[in-house]
Amino acid sequence: MRKPTLGMPLGAPSSHDASAPRNARTPRGARIPRSRSTSPQKHSFRVSGLTFVILGVLIVFVVVLAPSLRLYIEQRQQLAALQQSVADKQSQNAQLDSEVARWSDPAYIKAQARERLYFVMPGETSFLVIDDQAPTAPVDKTPVSTDIQNTKVDWLGAIFSSGVGAGLSTQTPEQLQESGTIQ
């Protein structure tokens, strides 16, 4: 019996079977001539109904699963953010509990009243020192000379020209303030 070829039913005669009887055998070493029309069929892609069914199931699976998967990922992110928020609030709560415990101590309350509100106990005298640090002199890095120096600015001339300029100006005081000449 001969091998079935793609695209041909089992009982249909092929091009090389036309002259030979159906049950005739070919010798062992003889080559069966192949037609050129059968070679492209070997490499062609056949699509069956099962392929379409599997492809349809995959498409439905992706369409149904994709929104659920996106929602799952978003909810996991929200859950992680909320867990971080809970951890932050728990640490803040622990800090506030320790502060409440400190404020329950009468010695701490007295110390805070003295420090923050400047309270004193009866019979005590409070002295408040304002600006208790000595003023520091500005540091001038120029060397001190023993020679007398002349000023390089004619201050008398500058005052005289300023007075003359102000007296002869035609601008109003508002305009002078806007221009930055006077303050």
C-alpha atoms as a PDB file:
ATOM      1  CA  MET A   1       0.000   0.000   0.000  1.00  0.00           C
ATOM      2  CA  ARG A   2       1.297   3.442  -0.819  1.00  0.00           C
ATOM      3  CA  LYS A   3       1.912   6.313   1.602  1.00  0.00           C
ATOM      4  CA  PRO A   4      -0.712   9.042   1.651  1.00  0.00           C
ATOM      5  CA  THR A   5       0.397  12.467   0.536  1.00  0.00           C
ATOM      6  CA  LEU A   6      -0.790  15.779   1.843  1.00  0.00           C
ATOM      7  CA  GLY A   7      -3.901  17.066   0.205  1.00  0.00           C
ATOM      8  CA  MET A   8      -4.742  13.761  -1.521  1.00  0.00           C
ATOM      9  CA  PRO A   9      -7.293  11.251  -0.268  1.00  0.00           C
ATOM     10  CA  LEU A  10      -6.067   7.724   0.360  1.00  0.00           C
ATOM     11  CA  GLY A  11      -7.844   6.107  -2.526  1.00  0.00           C
ATOM     12  CA  ALA A  12      -7.105   8.775  -5.137  1.00  0.00           C
ATOM     13  CA  PRO A  13      -4.451   7.865  -7.682  1.00  0.00           C
ATOM     14  CA  SER A  14      -1.406  10.115  -7.810  1.00  0.00           C
ATOM     15  CA  SER A  15       0.346  11.236 -10.991  1.00  0.00           C
ATOM     16  CA  HIS A  16       2.924   8.443 -10.809  1.00  0.00           C
ATOM     17  CA  ASP A  17       0.247   5.782 -10.148  1.00  0.00           C
ATOM     18  CA  ALA A  18      -1.747   6.417 -13.309  1.00  0.00           C
ATOM     19  CA  SER A  19       0.068   3.881 -15.520  1.00  0.00           C
ATOM     20  CA  ALA A  20       0.733   1.225 -12.852  1.00  0.00           C
ATOM     21  CA  PRO A  21      -1.950  -1.089 -11.535  1.00  0.00           C
ATOM     22  CA  ARG A  22      -3.110  -0.554  -8.023  1.00  0.00           C
ATOM     23  CA  ASN A  23      -1.526  -3.546  -6.413  1.00  0.00           C
ATOM     24  CA  ALA A  24       1.685  -3.544  -8.466  1.00  0.00           C
ATOM     25  CA  ARG A  25       4.880  -3.235  -6.518  1.00  0.00           C
ATOM     26  CA  THR A  26       7.932  -1.278  -7.501  1.00  0.00           C
ATOM     27  CA  PRO A  27      11.332  -2.920  -7.333  1.00  0.00           C
ATOM     28  CA  ARG A  28      13.415  -2.277  -4.262  1.00  0.00           C
ATOM     29  CA  GLY A  29      16.087  -0.031  -5.676  1.00  0.00           C
ATOM     30  CA  ALA A  30      13.817   1.828  -8.093  1.00  0.00           C
ATOM     31  CA  ARG A  31      13.103   5.453  -7.474  1.00  0.00           C
ATOM     32  CA  ILE A  32       9.603   6.705  -7.602  1.00  0.00           C
ATOM     33  CA  PRO A  33       9.413   9.863  -9.676  1.00  0.00           C
ATOM     34  CA  ARG A  34       7.932  12.720  -7.741  1.00  0.00           C
ATOM     35  CA  SER A  35       6.092  15.501  -9.352  1.00  0.00           C
ATOM     36  CA  ARG A  36       7.106  19.049  -8.608  1.00  0.00           C
ATOM     37  CA  SER A  37       3.614  19.932  -7.463  1.00  0.00           C
ATOM     38  CA  THR A  38       3.943  17.827  -4.281  1.00  0.00           C
ATOM     39  CA  SER A  39       7.062  19.561  -2.875  1.00  0.00           C
ATOM     40  CA  PRO A  40       5.405  22.934  -2.054  1.00  0.00           C
ATOM     41  CA  GLN A  41       2.676  21.057  -0.198  1.00  0.00           C
ATOM     42  CA  LYS A  42       5.244  19.650   2.243  1.00  0.00           C
ATOM     43  CA  HIS A  43       6.173  23.136   3.411  1.00  0.00           C
ATOM     44  CA  SER A  44       2.704  24.659   3.391  1.00  0.00           C
ATOM     45  CA  PHE A  45       0.910  25.419   6.642  1.00  0.00           C
ATOM     46  CA  ARG A  46      -2.414  23.697   7.058  1.00  0.00           C
ATOM     47  CA  VAL A  47      -5.009  25.199   9.342  1.00  0.00           C
ATOM     48  CA  SER A  48      -7.568  22.877  10.843  1.00  0.00           C
ATOM     49  CA  GLY A  49     -10.688  23.499  12.859  1.00  0.00           C
ATOM     50  CA  LEU A  50      -8.879  22.522  16.059  1.00  0.00           C
ATOM     51  CA  THR A  51      -6.344  25.291  15.450  1.00  0.00           C
ATOM     52  CA  PHE A  52      -9.158  27.846  15.251  1.00  0.00           C
ATOM     53  CA  VAL A  53     -10.752  26.488  18.423  1.00  0.00           C
ATOM     54  CA  ILE A  54      -7.472  26.664  20.364  1.00  0.00           C
ATOM     55  CA  LEU A  55      -6.776  30.158  19.028  1.00  0.00           C
ATOM     56  CA  GLY A  56     -10.301  31.258  20.015  1.00  0.00           C
ATOM     57  CA  VAL A  57      -9.904  29.821  23.513  1.00  0.00           C
ATOM     58  CA  LEU A  58      -6.576  31.642  23.907  1.00  0.00           C
ATOM     59  CA  ILE A  59      -8.094  34.949  22.776  1.00  0.00           C
ATOM     60  CA  VAL A  60     -11.054  34.546  25.159  1.00  0.00           C
ATOM     61  CA  PHE A  61      -8.647  33.614  27.952  1.00  0.00           C
ATOM     62  CA  VAL A  62      -6.560  36.752  27.369  1.00  0.00           C
ATOM     63  CA  VAL A  63      -9.632  39.002  27.070  1.00  0.00           C
ATOM     64  CA  VAL A  64     -11.135  37.617  30.264  1.00  0.00           C
ATOM     65  CA  LEU A  65      -7.905  37.375  32.242  1.00  0.00           C
ATOM     66  CA  ALA A  66      -6.182  40.671  31.285  1.00  0.00           C
ATOM     67  CA  PRO A  67      -8.536  43.048  33.156  1.00  0.00           C
ATOM     68  CA  SER A  68      -8.570  40.762  36.181  1.00  0.00           C
ATOM     69  CA  LEU A  69      -4.786  40.571  36.170  1.00  0.00           C
ATOM     70  CA  ARG A  70      -4.488  44.367  35.897  1.00  0.00           C
ATOM     71  CA  LEU A  71      -6.945  44.788  38.763  1.00  0.00           C
ATOM     72  CA  TYR A  72      -5.009  42.251  40.837  1.00  0.00           C
ATOM     73  CA  ILE A  73      -1.731  44.122  40.291  1.00  0.00           C
ATOM     74  CA  GLU A  74      -3.330  47.477  41.191  1.00  0.00           C
ATOM     75  CA  GLN A  75      -4.833  46.020  44.348  1.00  0.00           C
ATOM     76  CA  ARG A  76      -1.470  44.539  45.361  1.00  0.00           C
ATOM     77  CA  GLN A  77       0.135  47.973  44.935  1.00  0.00           C
ATOM     78  CA  GLN A  78      -2.613  49.588  47.012  1.00  0.00           C
ATOM     79  CA  LEU A  79      -2.211  46.900  49.659  1.00  0.00           C
ATOM     80  CA  ALA A  80       1.545  47.517  49.838  1.00  0.00           C
ATOM     81  CA  ALA A  81       0.978  51.284  50.158  1.00  0.00           C
ATOM     82  CA  LEU A  82      -1.606  50.765  52.900  1.00  0.00           C
ATOM     83  CA  GLN A  83       0.689  48.379  54.781  1.00  0.00           C
ATOM     84  CA  GLN A  84       3.456  50.984  54.637  1.00  0.00           C
ATOM     85  CA  SER A  85       1.005  53.606  55.899  1.00  0.00           C
ATOM     86  CA  VAL A  86      -0.028  51.329  58.772  1.00  0.00           C
ATOM     87  CA  ALA A  87       3.625  50.763  59.710  1.00  0.00           C
ATOM     88  CA  ASP A  88       4.255  54.528  59.673  1.00  0.00           C
ATOM     89  CA  LYS A  89       1.201  55.184  61.843  1.00  0.00           C
ATOM     90  CA  GLN A  90       2.255  52.466  64.286  1.00  0.00           C
ATOM     91  CA  SER A  91       5.705  54.024  64.694  1.00  0.00           C
ATOM     92  CA  GLN A  92       4.102  57.458  65.141  1.00  0.00           C
ATOM     93  CA  ASN A  93       1.729  55.956  67.715  1.00  0.00           C
ATOM     94  CA  ALA A  94       4.678  54.453  69.620  1.00  0.00           C
ATOM     95  CA  GLN A  95       6.412  57.858  69.676  1.00  0.00           C
ATOM     96  CA  LEU A  96       3.264  59.542  70.965  1.00  0.00           C
ATOM     97  CA  ASP A  97       2.848  56.846  73.647  1.00  0.00           C
ATOM     98  CA  SER A  98       6.394  57.487  74.866  1.00  0.00           C
ATOM     99  CA  GLU A  99       5.699  61.231  74.928  1.00  0.00           C
ATOM    100  CA  VAL A 100       2.507  60.665  76.949  1.00  0.00           C
ATOM    101  CA  ALA A 101       4.523  58.539  79.386  1.00  0.00           C
ATOM    102  CA  ARG A 102       7.065  61.371  79.773  1.00  0.00           C
ATOM    103  CA  TRP A 103       4.326  63.925  80.399  1.00  0.00           C
ATOM    104  CA  SER A 104       2.905  61.661  83.099  1.00  0.00           C
ATOM    105  CA  ASP A 105       6.087  62.192  85.140  1.00  0.00           C
ATOM    106  CA  PRO A 106       5.762  65.252  87.503  1.00  0.00           C
ATOM    107  CA  ALA A 107       9.509  65.964  87.327  1.00  0.00           C
ATOM    108  CA  TYR A 108       9.352  66.222  83.524  1.00  0.00           C
ATOM    109  CA  ILE A 109       6.375  68.600  83.758  1.00  0.00           C
ATOM    110  CA  LYS A 110       8.275  70.843  86.199  1.00  0.00           C
ATOM    111  CA  ALA A 111      11.354  70.866  83.990  1.00  0.00           C
ATOM    112  CA  GLN A 112       9.304  71.789  80.920  1.00  0.00           C
ATOM    113  CA  ALA A 113       7.481  74.548  82.837  1.00  0.00           C
ATOM    114  CA  ARG A 114      10.824  76.042  83.933  1.00  0.00           C
ATOM    115  CA  GLU A 115      12.390  75.738  80.480  1.00  0.00           C
ATOM    116  CA  ARG A 116       9.525  76.746  78.212  1.00  0.00           C
ATOM    117  CA  LEU A 117       7.386  79.047  80.360  1.00  0.00           C
ATOM    118  CA  TYR A 118      10.061  80.357  82.756  1.00  0.00           C
ATOM    119  CA  PHE A 119       8.027  79.299  85.802  1.00  0.00           C
ATOM    120  CA  VAL A 120       9.669  79.252  89.249  1.00  0.00           C
ATOM    121  CA  MET A 121       8.687  77.544  92.456  1.00  0.00           C
ATOM    122  CA  PRO A 122       7.413  79.722  95.321  1.00  0.00           C
ATOM    123  CA  GLY A 123      10.294  81.369  97.143  1.00  0.00           C
ATOM    124  CA  GLU A 124      12.690  81.148  94.171  1.00  0.00           C
ATOM    125  CA  THR A 125      13.985  84.157  92.305  1.00  0.00           C
ATOM    126  CA  SER A 126      14.348  83.920  88.553  1.00  0.00           C
ATOM    127  CA  PHE A 127      17.052  85.763  86.669  1.00  0.00           C
ATOM    128  CA  LEU A 128      16.717  85.927  82.933  1.00  0.00           C
ATOM    129  CA  VAL A 129      19.932  86.794  81.136  1.00  0.00           C
ATOM    130  CA  ILE A 130      19.315  88.265  77.740  1.00  0.00           C
ATOM    131  CA  ASP A 131      22.067  87.991  75.158  1.00  0.00           C
ATOM    132  CA  ASP A 132      24.501  86.318  77.519  1.00  0.00           C
ATOM    133  CA  GLN A 133      27.258  85.987  74.925  1.00  0.00           C
ATOM    134  CA  ALA A 134      29.842  88.706  74.512  1.00  0.00           C
ATOM    135  CA  PRO A 135      29.592  90.643  71.283  1.00  0.00           C
ATOM    136  CA  THR A 136      32.195  89.641  68.808  1.00  0.00           C
ATOM    137  CA  ALA A 137      34.166  92.295  67.022  1.00  0.00           C
ATOM    138  CA  PRO A 138      34.049  92.121  63.262  1.00  0.00           C
ATOM    139  CA  VAL A 139      37.183  90.573  61.920  1.00  0.00           C
ATOM    140  CA  ASP A 140      39.000  92.843  59.491  1.00  0.00           C
ATOM    141  CA  LYS A 141      41.625  90.981  57.538  1.00  0.00           C
ATOM    142  CA  THR A 142      43.373  94.047  56.178  1.00  0.00           C
ATOM    143  CA  PRO A 143      46.688  94.779  57.852  1.00  0.00           C
ATOM    144  CA  VAL A 144      46.891  97.811  60.116  1.00  0.00           C
ATOM    145  CA  SER A 145      49.376 100.431  58.996  1.00  0.00           C
ATOM    146  CA  THR A 146      51.055 103.115  61.031  1.00  0.00           C
ATOM    147  CA  ASP A 147      51.011 105.625  58.164  1.00  0.00           C
ATOM    148  CA  ILE A 148      48.303 108.254  57.755  1.00  0.00           C
ATOM    149  CA  GLN A 149      46.326 107.760  54.588  1.00  0.00           C
ATOM    150  CA  ASN A 150      44.224 110.176  52.598  1.00  0.00           C
ATOM    151  CA  THR A 151      40.699 109.259  51.584  1.00  0.00           C
ATOM    152  CA  LYS A 152      40.144 108.674  47.927  1.00  0.00           C
ATOM    153  CA  VAL A 153      36.621 110.117  47.873  1.00  0.00           C
ATOM    154  CA  ASP A 154      35.767 113.804  47.890  1.00  0.00           C
ATOM    155  CA  TRP A 155      32.944 113.474  50.428  1.00  0.00           C
ATOM    156  CA  LEU A 156      32.350 117.186  50.688  1.00  0.00           C
ATOM    157  CA  GLY A 157      31.910 117.502  46.943  1.00  0.00           C
ATOM    158  CA  ALA A 158      29.604 114.457  46.912  1.00  0.00           C
ATOM    159  CA  ILE A 159      27.312 115.980  49.556  1.00  0.00           C
ATOM    160  CA  PHE A 160      27.238 119.340  47.752  1.00  0.00           C
ATOM    161  CA  SER A 161      26.406 117.785  44.355  1.00  0.00           C
ATOM    162  CA  SER A 162      23.697 115.624  45.970  1.00  0.00           C
ATOM    163  CA  GLY A 163      22.050 118.685  47.537  1.00  0.00           C
ATOM    164  CA  VAL A 164      22.221 120.677  44.294  1.00  0.00           C
ATOM    165  CA  GLY A 165      20.867 117.716  42.292  1.00  0.00           C
ATOM    166  CA  ALA A 166      17.953 117.275  44.689  1.00  0.00           C
ATOM    167  CA  GLY A 167      17.148 120.976  44.720  1.00  0.00           C
ATOM    168  CA  LEU A 168      17.155 121.358  40.946  1.00  0.00           C
ATOM    169  CA  SER A 169      15.274 118.102  40.184  1.00  0.00           C
ATOM    170  CA  THR A 170      11.911 118.369  38.420  1.00  0.00           C
ATOM    171  CA  GLN A 171      10.725 114.909  39.522  1.00  0.00           C
ATOM    172  CA  THR A 172       8.081 114.450  42.214  1.00  0.00           C
ATOM    173  CA  PRO A 173       8.936 112.556  45.420  1.00  0.00           C
ATOM    174  CA  GLU A 174       6.829 109.584  44.212  1.00  0.00           C
ATOM    175  CA  GLN A 175       8.828 109.386  40.989  1.00  0.00           C
ATOM    176  CA  LEU A 176      12.094 109.565  42.912  1.00  0.00           C
ATOM    177  CA  GLN A 177      10.943 106.685  45.154  1.00  0.00           C
ATOM    178  CA  GLU A 178       9.929 104.583  42.152  1.00  0.00           C
ATOM    179  CA  SER A 179      13.268 105.163  40.451  1.00  0.00           C
ATOM    180  CA  GLY A 180      15.130 104.223  43.669  1.00  0.00           C
ATOM    181  CA  THR A 181      16.830 107.580  44.092  1.00  0.00           C
ATOM    182  CA  ILE A 182      15.263 108.091  47.536  1.00  0.00           C
ATOM    183  CA  GLN A 183      13.643 105.696  49.922  1.00  0.00           C
END
